[in-house]
C-alpha atoms as a PDB file:
ATOM      1  CA  UNK A   1      81.499 115.459  90.063  1.00  0.00           C
ATOM      2  CA  UNK A   2      85.243 116.026  90.418  1.00  0.00           C
ATOM      3  CA  UNK A   3      87.994 113.551  89.689  1.00  0.00           C
ATOM      4  CA  UNK A   4      90.803 112.810  92.157  1.00  0.00           C
ATOM      5  CA  UNK A   5      94.149 114.076  90.912  1.00  0.00           C
ATOM      6  CA  UNK A   6      97.582 113.617  92.373  1.00  0.00           C
ATOM      7  CA  UNK A   7     100.842 115.374  91.582  1.00  0.00           C
ATOM      8  CA  UNK A   8     103.818 113.638  93.147  1.00  0.00           C
ATOM      9  CA  UNK A   9     107.595 113.714  93.103  1.00  0.00           C
ATOM     10  CA  UNK A  10     110.002 110.821  93.524  1.00  0.00           C
ATOM     11  CA  UNK A  11     113.568 111.577  94.548  1.00  0.00           C
ATOM     12  CA  UNK A  12     115.890 108.973  93.073  1.00  0.00           C
ATOM     13  CA  UNK A  13     119.435 107.771  93.706  1.00  0.00           C
ATOM     14  CA  UNK A  14     121.966 109.536  91.521  1.00  0.00           C
ATOM     15  CA  UNK A  15     122.112 108.062  88.039  1.00  0.00           C
ATOM     16  CA  UNK A  16     118.877 106.076  88.430  1.00  0.00           C
ATOM     17  CA  UNK A  17     116.377 108.511  86.919  1.00  0.00           C
ATOM     18  CA  UNK A  18     116.068 106.596  83.641  1.00  0.00           C
ATOM     19  CA  UNK A  19     115.424 103.379  85.559  1.00  0.00           C
ATOM     20  CA  UNK A  20     112.666 105.065  87.555  1.00  0.00           C
ATOM     21  CA  UNK A  21     111.151 106.527  84.394  1.00  0.00           C
ATOM     22  CA  UNK A  22     111.073 103.026  82.861  1.00  0.00           C
ATOM     23  CA  UNK A  23     109.357 101.599  85.952  1.00  0.00           C
ATOM     24  CA  UNK A  24     106.768 104.377  85.997  1.00  0.00           C
ATOM     25  CA  UNK A  25     106.115 104.031  82.270  1.00  0.00           C
ATOM     26  CA  UNK A  26     105.439 100.328  82.907  1.00  0.00           C
ATOM     27  CA  UNK A  27     102.959 101.449  85.558  1.00  0.00           C
ATOM     28  CA  UNK A  28     101.376 103.832  83.053  1.00  0.00           C
ATOM     29  CA  UNK A  29     101.057 100.985  80.562  1.00  0.00           C
ATOM     30  CA  UNK A  30      99.328  98.791  83.146  1.00  0.00           C
ATOM     31  CA  UNK A  31      96.928 101.660  83.950  1.00  0.00           C
ATOM     32  CA  UNK A  32      95.629 101.540  80.370  1.00  0.00           C
ATOM     33  CA  UNK A  33      93.510  98.567  81.467  1.00  0.00           C
ATOM     34  CA  UNK A  34      91.857 100.555  84.260  1.00  0.00           C
ATOM     35  CA  UNK A  35      88.949 102.733  83.161  1.00  0.00           C
ATOM     36  CA  UNK A  36      89.175 104.561  86.500  1.00  0.00           C
ATOM     37  CA  UNK A  37      92.607 105.940  85.563  1.00  0.00           C
ATOM     38  CA  UNK A  38      92.081 108.845  83.174  1.00  0.00           C
ATOM     39  CA  UNK A  39      95.630 110.226  83.058  1.00  0.00           C
ATOM     40  CA  UNK A  40      99.002 108.899  84.203  1.00  0.00           C
ATOM     41  CA  UNK A  41     101.888 111.083  83.058  1.00  0.00           C
ATOM     42  CA  UNK A  42     105.547 110.580  83.882  1.00  0.00           C
ATOM     43  CA  UNK A  43     107.657 113.746  83.790  1.00  0.00           C
ATOM     44  CA  UNK A  44     111.249 114.830  84.345  1.00  0.00           C
ATOM     45  CA  UNK A  45     112.838 118.201  84.962  1.00  0.00           C
ATOM     46  CA  UNK A  46     116.157 119.003  83.330  1.00  0.00           C
ATOM     47  CA  UNK A  47     117.112 121.025  86.412  1.00  0.00           C
ATOM     48  CA  UNK A  48     116.512 118.076  88.777  1.00  0.00           C
ATOM     49  CA  UNK A  49     118.433 115.035  87.522  1.00  0.00           C
ATOM     50  CA  UNK A  50     117.452 112.942  90.561  1.00  0.00           C
ATOM     51  CA  UNK A  51     113.698 113.543  90.439  1.00  0.00           C
ATOM     52  CA  UNK A  52     110.734 112.113  88.547  1.00  0.00           C
ATOM     53  CA  UNK A  53     107.254 113.638  88.680  1.00  0.00           C
ATOM     54  CA  UNK A  54     103.958 111.816  88.158  1.00  0.00           C
ATOM     55  CA  UNK A  55     100.594 113.427  87.458  1.00  0.00           C
ATOM     56  CA  UNK A  56      97.559 111.157  87.803  1.00  0.00           C
ATOM     57  CA  UNK A  57      93.821 111.671  87.351  1.00  0.00           C
ATOM     58  CA  UNK A  58      91.425 109.051  88.704  1.00  0.00           C
ATOM     59  CA  UNK A  59      87.652 108.674  88.798  1.00  0.00           C
ATOM     60  CA  UNK A  60      87.919 108.996  92.594  1.00  0.00           C
ATOM     61  CA  UNK A  61      90.379 108.518  95.431  1.00  0.00           C
ATOM     62  CA  UNK A  62      89.171 104.980  96.146  1.00  0.00           C
ATOM     63  CA  UNK A  63      90.075 103.920  92.598  1.00  0.00           C
ATOM     64  CA  UNK A  64      93.590 105.268  93.108  1.00  0.00           C
ATOM     65  CA  UNK A  65      93.961 103.427  96.422  1.00  0.00           C
ATOM     66  CA  UNK A  66      92.666 100.196  94.860  1.00  0.00           C
ATOM     67  CA  UNK A  67      95.261 100.440  92.079  1.00  0.00           C
ATOM     68  CA  UNK A  68      98.036 100.330  94.676  1.00  0.00           C
ATOM     69  CA  UNK A  69      96.916  96.851  95.778  1.00  0.00           C
ATOM     70  CA  UNK A  70      97.124  95.275  92.314  1.00  0.00           C
ATOM     71  CA  UNK A  71      99.775  92.581  91.906  1.00  0.00           C
ATOM     72  CA  UNK A  72     101.324  94.381  88.926  1.00  0.00           C
ATOM     73  CA  UNK A  73     101.557  97.602  90.913  1.00  0.00           C
ATOM     74  CA  UNK A  74     103.060  95.846  93.934  1.00  0.00           C
ATOM     75  CA  UNK A  75     105.736  94.275  91.708  1.00  0.00           C
ATOM     76  CA  UNK A  76     106.681  97.683  90.286  1.00  0.00           C
ATOM     77  CA  UNK A  77     106.720  99.246  93.754  1.00  0.00           C
ATOM     78  CA  UNK A  78     109.176  96.589  94.968  1.00  0.00           C
ATOM     79  CA  UNK A  79     111.501  97.346  92.043  1.00  0.00           C
ATOM     80  CA  UNK A  80     111.265 101.099  92.555  1.00  0.00           C
ATOM     81  CA  UNK A  81     111.825 101.053  96.324  1.00  0.00           C
ATOM     82  CA  UNK A  82     115.465 100.104  95.784  1.00  0.00           C
ATOM     83  CA  UNK A  83     116.255 103.423  94.066  1.00  0.00           C
ATOM     84  CA  UNK A  84     113.823 105.859  95.735  1.00  0.00           C
ATOM     85  CA  UNK A  85     115.411 108.172  98.271  1.00  0.00           C
ATOM     86  CA  UNK A  86     112.256 110.143  99.042  1.00  0.00           C
ATOM     87  CA  UNK A  87     108.730 110.952  97.965  1.00  0.00           C
ATOM     88  CA  UNK A  88     106.689 114.117  98.097  1.00  0.00           C
ATOM     89  CA  UNK A  89     102.986 114.508  97.477  1.00  0.00           C
ATOM     90  CA  UNK A  90     103.091 117.957  95.941  1.00  0.00           C
ATOM     91  CA  UNK A  91      99.346 118.282  95.789  1.00  0.00           C
ATOM     92  CA  UNK A  92      96.055 116.481  95.530  1.00  0.00           C
ATOM     93  CA  UNK A  93      93.557 118.222  93.311  1.00  0.00           C
ATOM     94  CA  UNK A  94      89.949 118.066  92.195  1.00  0.00           C
ATOM     95  CA  UNK A  95      90.014 117.989  88.423  1.00  0.00           C
ATOM     96  CA  UNK A  96      87.051 119.840  86.936  1.00  0.00           C
ATOM     97  CA  UNK A  97      87.616 118.976  83.263  1.00  0.00           C
ATOM     98  CA  UNK A  98      89.634 119.856  80.193  1.00  0.00           C
ATOM     99  CA  UNK A  99      91.538 118.217  77.390  1.00  0.00           C
ATOM    100  CA  UNK A 100      92.480 114.642  78.211  1.00  0.00           C
ATOM    101  CA  UNK A 101      89.466 113.893  80.388  1.00  0.00           C
ATOM    102  CA  UNK A 102      86.869 111.491  79.021  1.00  0.00           C
ATOM    103  CA  UNK A 103      83.799 112.985  77.359  1.00  0.00           C
ATOM    104  CA  UNK A 104      81.502 111.429  79.971  1.00  0.00           C
ATOM    105  CA  UNK A 105      83.251 113.425  82.714  1.00  0.00           C
ATOM    106  CA  UNK A 106      80.076 115.249  83.756  1.00  0.00           C
ATOM    107  CA  UNK A 107      78.162 111.965  84.008  1.00  0.00           C
ATOM    108  CA  UNK A 108      80.380 110.503  86.716  1.00  0.00           C
END
C-alpha cells in the first residue's frame, strides 16, 4: 500500500521567511504526536528568499486532511495566513518506501 505524499511551496512576504519556517517547524513538532504523519520536512532555497517548501508523507490522504482540522493546526494556519502571499501544490505523490519510512510500511 502506498503512502500519501505532498510537496508544497509557500510564497511569503519579503523578510518573513524565518517567521514562516518557525511556524512550520512548530507544525512539524505537533505532528510528532500523530502516527499517521511519517515525514514532515521544512525546507528553504537560497535562491528563493521568499519561499518555504514542505514535504510531507502520511499514511493516507484522509490522515492528512484530518490533521488540518486539529486545533493546534488551525492556530498555526491563522498565524501563517498573515504572511503568506501564495501557495503552490507542486505535487502529490505515492510513496513506495525508502529511508525515513517506518519499518511496517508494507503492512499498512
